[in-house]
Amino acid sequence: MGMAYREDFQPAVYIMANRRNGTLYIGVTSNLPQRAWQHREGIGQGFAAWYGCKLLAWYEWHDDIELAILREKQLKAGSRKRKLALIETLNPAWRDLYGDIAV
């Protein structure tokens, strides 16, 4: 786990936001660079596209997709306050982290 770049098809849990302290979207993927790009481009018809969640605010790498899915469920079940605290701890400036993972 951590904030460093890993190769494609590395399971990850991530949080997209439309702005600082704004609407949050939590997802899981096996290819974070591609998935974050899709969010940024507004590809799809779902929640993240509807609310304009294009900022990659937080992410966490996992070695196993099943563990990543469990972590996603844990985060989704948690309070908004805990989600914001998670972002504030690792990304206090709410910088768009896409540049850190884009290849």
PDB file of N, CA and C in Angstrom:
ATOM      1  N   MET A   1       0.836  -1.180   0.000  1.00  0.00           N
ATOM      2  CA  MET A   1       0.000   0.000   0.000  1.00  0.00           C
ATOM      3  C   MET A   1       0.880   1.243   0.000  1.00  0.00           C
ATOM      4  N   GLY A   2       0.310   2.351  -0.478  1.00  0.00           N
ATOM      5  CA  GLY A   2       1.064   3.584  -0.481  1.00  0.00           C
ATOM      6  C   GLY A   2       0.726   4.417  -1.694  1.00  0.00           C
ATOM      7  N   MET A   3       1.491   5.465  -1.904  1.00  0.00           N
ATOM      8  CA  MET A   3       1.167   6.424  -2.942  1.00  0.00           C
ATOM      9  C   MET A   3       2.087   6.319  -4.156  1.00  0.00           C
ATOM     10  N   ALA A   4       3.008   5.393  -4.189  1.00  0.00           N
ATOM     11  CA  ALA A   4       3.943   5.281  -5.312  1.00  0.00           C
ATOM     12  C   ALA A   4       3.291   4.575  -6.500  1.00  0.00           C
ATOM     13  N   TYR A   5       3.818   4.862  -7.686  1.00  0.00           N
ATOM     14  CA  TYR A   5       3.280   4.260  -8.909  1.00  0.00           C
ATOM     15  C   TYR A   5       3.583   2.767  -8.964  1.00  0.00           C
ATOM     16  N   ARG A   6       2.627   1.995  -9.413  1.00  0.00           N
ATOM     17  CA  ARG A   6       2.818   0.569  -9.664  1.00  0.00           C
ATOM     18  C   ARG A   6       2.410   0.299 -11.103  1.00  0.00           C
ATOM     19  N   GLU A   7       2.780  -0.843 -11.620  1.00  0.00           N
ATOM     20  CA  GLU A   7       2.454  -1.156 -13.020  1.00  0.00           C
ATOM     21  C   GLU A   7       0.946  -1.322 -13.220  1.00  0.00           C
ATOM     22  N   ASP A   8       0.529  -1.352 -14.474  1.00  0.00           N
ATOM     23  CA  ASP A   8      -0.886  -1.549 -14.787  1.00  0.00           C
ATOM     24  C   ASP A   8      -1.369  -2.877 -14.200  1.00  0.00           C
ATOM     25  N   PHE A   9      -2.671  -2.987 -14.048  1.00  0.00           N
ATOM     26  CA  PHE A   9      -3.306  -4.192 -13.518  1.00  0.00           C
ATOM     27  C   PHE A   9      -2.835  -4.490 -12.102  1.00  0.00           C
ATOM     28  N   GLN A  10      -2.697  -3.418 -11.339  1.00  0.00           N
ATOM     29  CA  GLN A  10      -2.401  -3.495  -9.908  1.00  0.00           C
ATOM     30  C   GLN A  10      -3.677  -3.068  -9.196  1.00  0.00           C
ATOM     31  N   PRO A  11      -4.315  -3.970  -8.428  1.00  0.00           N
ATOM     32  CA  PRO A  11      -5.559  -3.587  -7.756  1.00  0.00           C
ATOM     33  C   PRO A  11      -5.379  -2.332  -6.900  1.00  0.00           C
ATOM     34  N   ALA A  12      -6.390  -1.487  -6.919  1.00  0.00           N
ATOM     35  CA  ALA A  12      -6.357  -0.251  -6.142  1.00  0.00           C
ATOM     36  C   ALA A  12      -7.762   0.153  -5.734  1.00  0.00           C
ATOM     37  N   VAL A  13      -7.841   0.810  -4.589  1.00  0.00           N
ATOM     38  CA  VAL A  13      -9.061   1.467  -4.137  1.00  0.00           C
ATOM     39  C   VAL A  13      -8.771   2.962  -4.266  1.00  0.00           C
ATOM     40  N   TYR A  14      -9.768   3.732  -4.680  1.00  0.00           N
ATOM     41  CA  TYR A  14      -9.501   5.145  -4.922  1.00  0.00           C
ATOM     42  C   TYR A  14     -10.719   5.993  -4.569  1.00  0.00           C
ATOM     43  N   ILE A  15     -10.458   7.273  -4.364  1.00  0.00           N
ATOM     44  CA  ILE A  15     -11.531   8.239  -4.132  1.00  0.00           C
ATOM     45  C   ILE A  15     -11.378   9.368  -5.149  1.00  0.00           C
ATOM     46  N   MET A  16     -12.437   9.602  -5.911  1.00  0.00           N
ATOM     47  CA  MET A  16     -12.521  10.730  -6.820  1.00  0.00           C
ATOM     48  C   MET A  16     -13.404  11.786  -6.149  1.00  0.00           C
ATOM     49  N   ALA A  17     -13.138  13.057  -6.433  1.00  0.00           N
ATOM     50  CA  ALA A  17     -13.937  14.147  -5.880  1.00  0.00           C
ATOM     51  C   ALA A  17     -14.200  15.174  -6.969  1.00  0.00           C
ATOM     52  N   ASN A  18     -15.263  15.964  -6.789  1.00  0.00           N
ATOM     53  CA  ASN A  18     -15.505  17.035  -7.759  1.00  0.00           C
ATOM     54  C   ASN A  18     -14.807  18.322  -7.339  1.00  0.00           C
ATOM     55  N   ARG A  19     -14.454  18.421  -6.048  1.00  0.00           N
ATOM     56  CA  ARG A  19     -13.683  19.557  -5.521  1.00  0.00           C
ATOM     57  C   ARG A  19     -13.337  19.239  -4.072  1.00  0.00           C
ATOM     58  N   ARG A  20     -12.510  20.081  -3.482  1.00  0.00           N
ATOM     59  CA  ARG A  20     -12.148  19.898  -2.075  1.00  0.00           C
ATOM     60  C   ARG A  20     -13.410  19.874  -1.213  1.00  0.00           C
ATOM     61  N   ASN A  21     -13.512  18.872  -0.368  1.00  0.00           N
ATOM     62  CA  ASN A  21     -14.664  18.686   0.521  1.00  0.00           C
ATOM     63  C   ASN A  21     -15.986  18.563  -0.228  1.00  0.00           C
ATOM     64  N   GLY A  22     -15.921  18.197  -1.502  1.00  0.00           N
ATOM     65  CA  GLY A  22     -17.125  18.080  -2.315  1.00  0.00           C
ATOM     66  C   GLY A  22     -17.676  16.665  -2.324  1.00  0.00           C
ATOM     67  N   THR A  23     -18.327  16.335  -3.422  1.00  0.00           N
ATOM     68  CA  THR A  23     -18.901  15.003  -3.600  1.00  0.00           C
ATOM     69  C   THR A  23     -17.772  14.000  -3.790  1.00  0.00           C
ATOM     70  N   LEU A  24     -17.875  12.857  -3.118  1.00  0.00           N
ATOM     71  CA  LEU A  24     -16.853  11.817  -3.184  1.00  0.00           C
ATOM     72  C   LEU A  24     -17.399  10.573  -3.867  1.00  0.00           C
ATOM     73  N   TYR A  25     -16.532   9.931  -4.628  1.00  0.00           N
ATOM     74  CA  TYR A  25     -16.864   8.644  -5.247  1.00  0.00           C
ATOM     75  C   TYR A  25     -15.748   7.671  -4.883  1.00  0.00           C
ATOM     76  N   ILE A  26     -16.108   6.532  -4.340  1.00  0.00           N
ATOM     77  CA  ILE A  26     -15.139   5.500  -3.979  1.00  0.00           C
ATOM     78  C   ILE A  26     -15.272   4.353  -4.961  1.00  0.00           C
ATOM     79  N   GLY A  27     -14.153   3.902  -5.498  1.00  0.00           N
ATOM     80  CA  GLY A  27     -14.174   2.803  -6.447  1.00  0.00           C
ATOM     81  C   GLY A  27     -13.008   1.857  -6.255  1.00  0.00           C
ATOM     82  N   VAL A  28     -13.073   0.741  -6.976  1.00  0.00           N
ATOM     83  CA  VAL A  28     -12.000  -0.246  -6.976  1.00  0.00           C
ATOM     84  C   VAL A  28     -11.735  -0.607  -8.433  1.00  0.00           C
ATOM     85  N   THR A  29     -10.480  -0.860  -8.756  1.00  0.00           N
ATOM     86  CA  THR A  29     -10.106  -1.158 -10.128  1.00  0.00           C
ATOM     87  C   THR A  29      -8.824  -1.982 -10.147  1.00  0.00           C
ATOM     88  N   SER A  30      -8.576  -2.629 -11.280  1.00  0.00           N
ATOM     89  CA  SER A  30      -7.297  -3.329 -11.455  1.00  0.00           C
ATOM     90  C   SER A  30      -6.346  -2.505 -12.322  1.00  0.00           C
ATOM     91  N   ASN A  31      -6.827  -1.338 -12.809  1.00  0.00           N
ATOM     92  CA  ASN A  31      -5.984  -0.483 -13.646  1.00  0.00           C
ATOM     93  C   ASN A  31      -6.316   0.977 -13.317  1.00  0.00           C
ATOM     94  N   LEU A  32      -5.691   1.492 -12.265  1.00  0.00           N
ATOM     95  CA  LEU A  32      -6.020   2.833 -11.782  1.00  0.00           C
ATOM     96  C   LEU A  32      -5.719   3.936 -12.795  1.00  0.00           C
ATOM     97  N   PRO A  33      -4.578   3.915 -13.489  1.00  0.00           N
ATOM     98  CA  PRO A  33      -4.352   4.988 -14.468  1.00  0.00           C
ATOM     99  C   PRO A  33      -5.474   5.078 -15.512  1.00  0.00           C
ATOM    100  N   GLN A  34      -5.890   3.935 -16.035  1.00  0.00           N
ATOM    101  CA  GLN A  34      -6.955   3.927 -17.044  1.00  0.00           C
ATOM    102  C   GLN A  34      -8.287   4.373 -16.444  1.00  0.00           C
ATOM    103  N   ARG A  35      -8.618   3.866 -15.265  1.00  0.00           N
ATOM    104  CA  ARG A  35      -9.910   4.186 -14.640  1.00  0.00           C
ATOM    105  C   ARG A  35      -9.984   5.661 -14.272  1.00  0.00           C
ATOM    106  N   ALA A  36      -8.910   6.201 -13.709  1.00  0.00           N
ATOM    107  CA  ALA A  36      -8.899   7.623 -13.350  1.00  0.00           C
ATOM    108  C   ALA A  36      -9.035   8.484 -14.607  1.00  0.00           C
ATOM    109  N   TRP A  37      -8.397   8.084 -15.695  1.00  0.00           N
ATOM    110  CA  TRP A  37      -8.513   8.806 -16.960  1.00  0.00           C
ATOM    111  C   TRP A  37      -9.969   8.812 -17.429  1.00  0.00           C
ATOM    112  N   GLN A  38     -10.637   7.660 -17.322  1.00  0.00           N
ATOM    113  CA  GLN A  38     -12.047   7.574 -17.718  1.00  0.00           C
ATOM    114  C   GLN A  38     -12.905   8.545 -16.907  1.00  0.00           C
ATOM    115  N   HIS A  39     -12.646   8.615 -15.603  1.00  0.00           N
ATOM    116  CA  HIS A  39     -13.382   9.561 -14.761  1.00  0.00           C
ATOM    117  C   HIS A  39     -13.112  10.994 -15.221  1.00  0.00           C
ATOM    118  N   ARG A  40     -11.854  11.316 -15.470  1.00  0.00           N
ATOM    119  CA  ARG A  40     -11.476  12.676 -15.880  1.00  0.00           C
ATOM    120  C   ARG A  40     -12.130  13.077 -17.195  1.00  0.00           C
ATOM    121  N   GLU A  41     -12.271  12.109 -18.086  1.00  0.00           N
ATOM    122  CA  GLU A  41     -12.873  12.377 -19.393  1.00  0.00           C
ATOM    123  C   GLU A  41     -14.402  12.323 -19.356  1.00  0.00           C
ATOM    124  N   GLY A  42     -14.959  11.949 -18.209  1.00  0.00           N
ATOM    125  CA  GLY A  42     -16.408  11.877 -18.079  1.00  0.00           C
ATOM    126  C   GLY A  42     -17.023  10.709 -18.815  1.00  0.00           C
ATOM    127  N   ILE A  43     -16.214   9.658 -19.032  1.00  0.00           N
ATOM    128  CA  ILE A  43     -16.707   8.473 -19.735  1.00  0.00           C
ATOM    129  C   ILE A  43     -17.575   7.661 -18.778  1.00  0.00           C
ATOM    130  N   GLY A  44     -18.754   7.323 -19.214  1.00  0.00           N
ATOM    131  CA  GLY A  44     -19.685   6.571 -18.375  1.00  0.00           C
ATOM    132  C   GLY A  44     -20.877   7.433 -18.007  1.00  0.00           C
ATOM    133  N   GLN A  45     -21.900   6.785 -17.512  1.00  0.00           N
ATOM    134  CA  GLN A  45     -23.153   7.461 -17.198  1.00  0.00           C
ATOM    135  C   GLN A  45     -23.465   7.431 -15.703  1.00  0.00           C
ATOM    136  N   GLY A  46     -22.512   6.999 -14.905  1.00  0.00           N
ATOM    137  CA  GLY A  46     -22.797   6.756 -13.495  1.00  0.00           C
ATOM    138  C   GLY A  46     -22.658   7.957 -12.583  1.00  0.00           C
ATOM    139  N   PHE A  47     -22.631   7.653 -11.315  1.00  0.00           N
ATOM    140  CA  PHE A  47     -22.587   8.644 -10.236  1.00  0.00           C
ATOM    141  C   PHE A  47     -21.433   9.622 -10.413  1.00  0.00           C
ATOM    142  N   ALA A  48     -20.216   9.092 -10.631  1.00  0.00           N
ATOM    143  CA  ALA A  48     -19.033   9.954 -10.716  1.00  0.00           C
ATOM    144  C   ALA A  48     -19.143  10.935 -11.878  1.00  0.00           C
ATOM    145  N   ALA A  49     -19.651  10.470 -13.016  1.00  0.00           N
ATOM    146  CA  ALA A  49     -19.821  11.351 -14.178  1.00  0.00           C
ATOM    147  C   ALA A  49     -20.903  12.398 -13.903  1.00  0.00           C
ATOM    148  N   TRP A  50     -22.000  11.972 -13.306  1.00  0.00           N
ATOM    149  CA  TRP A  50     -23.116  12.868 -13.017  1.00  0.00           C
ATOM    150  C   TRP A  50     -22.688  14.019 -12.114  1.00  0.00           C
ATOM    151  N   TYR A  51     -21.857  13.712 -11.104  1.00  0.00           N
ATOM    152  CA  TYR A  51     -21.431  14.721 -10.140  1.00  0.00           C
ATOM    153  C   TYR A  51     -20.090  15.361 -10.486  1.00  0.00           C
ATOM    154  N   GLY A  52     -19.518  15.005 -11.623  1.00  0.00           N
ATOM    155  CA  GLY A  52     -18.274  15.631 -12.060  1.00  0.00           C
ATOM    156  C   GLY A  52     -17.078  15.302 -11.183  1.00  0.00           C
ATOM    157  N   CYS A  53     -17.029  14.083 -10.683  1.00  0.00           N
ATOM    158  CA  CYS A  53     -15.914  13.656  -9.828  1.00  0.00           C
ATOM    159  C   CYS A  53     -14.721  13.299 -10.712  1.00  0.00           C
ATOM    160  N   LYS A  54     -13.851  14.269 -10.956  1.00  0.00           N
ATOM    161  CA  LYS A  54     -12.734  14.097 -11.883  1.00  0.00           C
ATOM    162  C   LYS A  54     -11.378  14.226 -11.212  1.00  0.00           C
ATOM    163  N   LEU A  55     -11.341  14.557  -9.931  1.00  0.00           N
ATOM    164  CA  LEU A  55     -10.097  14.757  -9.196  1.00  0.00           C
ATOM    165  C   LEU A  55      -9.757  13.486  -8.419  1.00  0.00           C
ATOM    166  N   LEU A  56      -8.608  12.906  -8.708  1.00  0.00           N
ATOM    167  CA  LEU A  56      -8.159  11.736  -7.945  1.00  0.00           C
ATOM    168  C   LEU A  56      -7.574  12.245  -6.630  1.00  0.00           C
ATOM    169  N   ALA A  57      -8.362  12.123  -5.561  1.00  0.00           N
ATOM    170  CA  ALA A  57      -7.987  12.708  -4.274  1.00  0.00           C
ATOM    171  C   ALA A  57      -7.190  11.759  -3.383  1.00  0.00           C
ATOM    172  N   TRP A  58      -7.398  10.439  -3.576  1.00  0.00           N
ATOM    173  CA  TRP A  58      -6.747   9.453  -2.706  1.00  0.00           C
ATOM    174  C   TRP A  58      -6.768   8.106  -3.407  1.00  0.00           C
ATOM    175  N   TYR A  59      -5.729   7.328  -3.167  1.00  0.00           N
ATOM    176  CA  TYR A  59      -5.734   5.944  -3.657  1.00  0.00           C
ATOM    177  C   TYR A  59      -4.833   5.089  -2.788  1.00  0.00           C
ATOM    178  N   GLU A  60      -5.047   3.784  -2.895  1.00  0.00           N
ATOM    179  CA  GLU A  60      -4.306   2.820  -2.093  1.00  0.00           C
ATOM    180  C   GLU A  60      -4.120   1.565  -2.931  1.00  0.00           C
ATOM    181  N   TRP A  61      -2.884   1.159  -3.101  1.00  0.00           N
ATOM    182  CA  TRP A  61      -2.590  -0.064  -3.877  1.00  0.00           C
ATOM    183  C   TRP A  61      -2.820  -1.299  -3.024  1.00  0.00           C
ATOM    184  N   HIS A  62      -3.211  -2.378  -3.673  1.00  0.00           N
ATOM    185  CA  HIS A  62      -3.398  -3.663  -3.004  1.00  0.00           C
ATOM    186  C   HIS A  62      -2.762  -4.755  -3.857  1.00  0.00           C
ATOM    187  N   ASP A  63      -2.370  -5.827  -3.214  1.00  0.00           N
ATOM    188  CA  ASP A  63      -1.759  -6.950  -3.927  1.00  0.00           C
ATOM    189  C   ASP A  63      -2.797  -7.941  -4.431  1.00  0.00           C
ATOM    190  N   ASP A  64      -4.015  -7.839  -3.926  1.00  0.00           N
ATOM    191  CA  ASP A  64      -5.060  -8.810  -4.237  1.00  0.00           C
ATOM    192  C   ASP A  64      -6.373  -8.080  -4.472  1.00  0.00           C
ATOM    193  N   ILE A  65      -7.060  -8.401  -5.553  1.00  0.00           N
ATOM    194  CA  ILE A  65      -8.304  -7.709  -5.900  1.00  0.00           C
ATOM    195  C   ILE A  65      -9.394  -7.960  -4.858  1.00  0.00           C
ATOM    196  N   GLU A  66      -9.409  -9.150  -4.287  1.00  0.00           N
ATOM    197  CA  GLU A  66     -10.427  -9.452  -3.270  1.00  0.00           C
ATOM    198  C   GLU A  66     -10.249  -8.554  -2.041  1.00  0.00           C
ATOM    199  N   LEU A  67      -8.996  -8.347  -1.638  1.00  0.00           N
ATOM    200  CA  LEU A  67      -8.729  -7.461  -0.501  1.00  0.00           C
ATOM    201  C   LEU A  67      -9.085  -6.018  -0.844  1.00  0.00           C
ATOM    202  N   ALA A  68      -8.842  -5.621  -2.089  1.00  0.00           N
ATOM    203  CA  ALA A  68      -9.198  -4.272  -2.527  1.00  0.00           C
ATOM    204  C   ALA A  68     -10.713  -4.081  -2.471  1.00  0.00           C
ATOM    205  N   ILE A  69     -11.462  -5.087  -2.892  1.00  0.00           N
ATOM    206  CA  ILE A  69     -12.929  -5.006  -2.854  1.00  0.00           C
ATOM    207  C   ILE A  69     -13.428  -4.895  -1.414  1.00  0.00           C
ATOM    208  N   LEU A  70     -12.818  -5.666  -0.515  1.00  0.00           N
ATOM    209  CA  LEU A  70     -13.193  -5.579   0.904  1.00  0.00           C
ATOM    210  C   LEU A  70     -12.915  -4.186   1.455  1.00  0.00           C
ATOM    211  N   ARG A  71     -11.777  -3.605   1.086  1.00  0.00           N
ATOM    212  CA  ARG A  71     -11.408  -2.264   1.538  1.00  0.00           C
ATOM    213  C   ARG A  71     -12.388  -1.220   0.983  1.00  0.00           C
ATOM    214  N   GLU A  72     -12.759  -1.382  -0.282  1.00  0.00           N
ATOM    215  CA  GLU A  72     -13.734  -0.465  -0.882  1.00  0.00           C
ATOM    216  C   GLU A  72     -15.047  -0.500  -0.098  1.00  0.00           C
ATOM    217  N   LYS A  73     -15.521  -1.697   0.225  1.00  0.00           N
ATOM    218  CA  LYS A  73     -16.773  -1.849   0.977  1.00  0.00           C
ATOM    219  C   LYS A  73     -16.648  -1.217   2.359  1.00  0.00           C
ATOM    220  N   GLN A  74     -15.482  -1.407   2.990  1.00  0.00           N
ATOM    221  CA  GLN A  74     -15.243  -0.828   4.315  1.00  0.00           C
ATOM    222  C   GLN A  74     -15.308   0.705   4.240  1.00  0.00           C
ATOM    223  N   LEU A  75     -14.662   1.273   3.222  1.00  0.00           N
ATOM    224  CA  LEU A  75     -14.667   2.730   3.081  1.00  0.00           C
ATOM    225  C   LEU A  75     -16.064   3.256   2.777  1.00  0.00           C
ATOM    226  N   LYS A  76     -16.791   2.582   1.902  1.00  0.00           N
ATOM    227  CA  LYS A  76     -18.144   3.018   1.539  1.00  0.00           C
ATOM    228  C   LYS A  76     -19.069   2.980   2.756  1.00  0.00           C
ATOM    229  N   ALA A  77     -18.855   2.020   3.646  1.00  0.00           N
ATOM    230  CA  ALA A  77     -19.697   1.880   4.831  1.00  0.00           C
ATOM    231  C   ALA A  77     -19.342   2.906   5.906  1.00  0.00           C
ATOM    232  N   GLY A  78     -18.160   3.489   5.823  1.00  0.00           N
ATOM    233  CA  GLY A  78     -17.712   4.457   6.823  1.00  0.00           C
ATOM    234  C   GLY A  78     -18.375   5.814   6.640  1.00  0.00           C
ATOM    235  N   SER A  79     -18.185   6.647   7.621  1.00  0.00           N
ATOM    236  CA  SER A  79     -18.785   7.980   7.591  1.00  0.00           C
ATOM    237  C   SER A  79     -18.050   8.901   6.617  1.00  0.00           C
ATOM    238  N   ARG A  80     -18.739   9.939   6.197  1.00  0.00           N
ATOM    239  CA  ARG A  80     -18.129  10.952   5.343  1.00  0.00           C
ATOM    240  C   ARG A  80     -16.936  11.593   6.059  1.00  0.00           C
ATOM    241  N   LYS A  81     -17.088  11.810   7.357  1.00  0.00           N
ATOM    242  CA  LYS A  81     -16.014  12.407   8.150  1.00  0.00           C
ATOM    243  C   LYS A  81     -14.733  11.570   8.061  1.00  0.00           C
ATOM    244  N   ARG A  82     -14.862  10.258   8.137  1.00  0.00           N
ATOM    245  CA  ARG A  82     -13.695   9.371   8.049  1.00  0.00           C
ATOM    246  C   ARG A  82     -13.072   9.418   6.658  1.00  0.00           C
ATOM    247  N   LYS A  83     -13.907   9.497   5.615  1.00  0.00           N
ATOM    248  CA  LYS A  83     -13.395   9.578   4.245  1.00  0.00           C
ATOM    249  C   LYS A  83     -12.610  10.868   4.047  1.00  0.00           C
ATOM    250  N   LEU A  84     -13.160  11.976   4.534  1.00  0.00           N
ATOM    251  CA  LEU A  84     -12.467  13.257   4.413  1.00  0.00           C
ATOM    252  C   LEU A  84     -11.157  13.237   5.196  1.00  0.00           C
ATOM    253  N   ALA A  85     -11.167  12.619   6.376  1.00  0.00           N
ATOM    254  CA  ALA A  85      -9.951  12.530   7.188  1.00  0.00           C
ATOM    255  C   ALA A  85      -8.879  11.707   6.471  1.00  0.00           C
ATOM    256  N   LEU A  86      -9.298  10.653   5.785  1.00  0.00           N
ATOM    257  CA  LEU A  86      -8.364   9.814   5.031  1.00  0.00           C
ATOM    258  C   LEU A  86      -7.678  10.647   3.942  1.00  0.00           C
ATOM    259  N   ILE A  87      -8.452  11.423   3.221  1.00  0.00           N
ATOM    260  CA  ILE A  87      -7.887  12.278   2.172  1.00  0.00           C
ATOM    261  C   ILE A  87      -6.986  13.337   2.796  1.00  0.00           C
ATOM    262  N   GLU A  88      -7.457  13.997   3.840  1.00  0.00           N
ATOM    263  CA  GLU A  88      -6.695  15.073   4.474  1.00  0.00           C
ATOM    264  C   GLU A  88      -5.353  14.580   5.032  1.00  0.00           C
ATOM    265  N   THR A  89      -5.311  13.325   5.480  1.00  0.00           N
ATOM    266  CA  THR A  89      -4.078  12.776   6.040  1.00  0.00           C
ATOM    267  C   THR A  89      -3.016  12.571   4.965  1.00  0.00           C
ATOM    268  N   LEU A  90      -3.418  11.984   3.829  1.00  0.00           N
ATOM    269  CA  LEU A  90      -2.440  11.657   2.784  1.00  0.00           C
ATOM    270  C   LEU A  90      -2.327  12.720   1.699  1.00  0.00           C
ATOM    271  N   ASN A  91      -3.339  13.578   1.572  1.00  0.00           N
ATOM    272  CA  ASN A  91      -3.338  14.578   0.506  1.00  0.00           C
ATOM    273  C   ASN A  91      -3.990  15.868   1.026  1.00  0.00           C
ATOM    274  N   PRO A  92      -3.351  16.524   2.018  1.00  0.00           N
ATOM    275  CA  PRO A  92      -3.973  17.689   2.662  1.00  0.00           C
ATOM    276  C   PRO A  92      -4.270  18.852   1.718  1.00  0.00           C
ATOM    277  N   ALA A  93      -3.534  18.960   0.626  1.00  0.00           N
ATOM    278  CA  ALA A  93      -3.766  20.045  -0.331  1.00  0.00           C
ATOM    279  C   ALA A  93      -4.859  19.691  -1.349  1.00  0.00           C
ATOM    280  N   TRP A  94      -5.380  18.480  -1.284  1.00  0.00           N
ATOM    281  CA  TRP A  94      -6.364  17.993  -2.249  1.00  0.00           C
ATOM    282  C   TRP A  94      -5.831  18.149  -3.674  1.00  0.00           C
ATOM    283  N   ARG A  95      -4.550  17.832  -3.833  1.00  0.00           N
ATOM    284  CA  ARG A  95      -3.919  17.857  -5.154  1.00  0.00           C
ATOM    285  C   ARG A  95      -4.490  16.726  -6.006  1.00  0.00           C
ATOM    286  N   ASP A  96      -4.646  16.952  -7.304  1.00  0.00           N
ATOM    287  CA  ASP A  96      -5.088  15.892  -8.191  1.00  0.00           C
ATOM    288  C   ASP A  96      -3.917  14.920  -8.370  1.00  0.00           C
ATOM    289  N   LEU A  97      -4.060  13.713  -7.863  1.00  0.00           N
ATOM    290  CA  LEU A  97      -2.967  12.731  -7.866  1.00  0.00           C
ATOM    291  C   LEU A  97      -2.832  11.987  -9.188  1.00  0.00           C
ATOM    292  N   TYR A  98      -3.657  12.333 -10.159  1.00  0.00           N
ATOM    293  CA  TYR A  98      -3.595  11.631 -11.449  1.00  0.00           C
ATOM    294  C   TYR A  98      -2.205  11.707 -12.060  1.00  0.00           C
ATOM    295  N   GLY A  99      -1.568  12.845 -11.965  1.00  0.00           N
ATOM    296  CA  GLY A  99      -0.224  12.998 -12.534  1.00  0.00           C
ATOM    297  C   GLY A  99       0.799  12.058 -11.914  1.00  0.00           C
ATOM    298  N   ASP A 100       0.551  11.608 -10.702  1.00  0.00           N
ATOM    299  CA  ASP A 100       1.482  10.688 -10.030  1.00  0.00           C
ATOM    300  C   ASP A 100       1.411   9.283 -10.589  1.00  0.00           C
ATOM    301  N   ILE A 101       0.277   8.926 -11.193  1.00  0.00           N
ATOM    302  CA  ILE A 101       0.090   7.544 -11.654  1.00  0.00           C
ATOM    303  C   ILE A 101      -0.015   7.424 -13.150  1.00  0.00           C
ATOM    304  N   ALA A 102      -0.273   8.546 -13.857  1.00  0.00           N
ATOM    305  CA  ALA A 102      -0.437   8.492 -15.316  1.00  0.00           C
ATOM    306  C   ALA A 102       0.874   8.088 -15.975  1.00  0.00           C
ATOM    307  N   VAL A 103       0.778   7.274 -16.998  1.00  0.00           N
ATOM    308  CA  VAL A 103       1.983   6.821 -17.705  1.00  0.00           C
ATOM    309  C   VAL A 103       2.079   7.446 -19.078  1.00  0.00           C
TER     310      VAL A 103
END
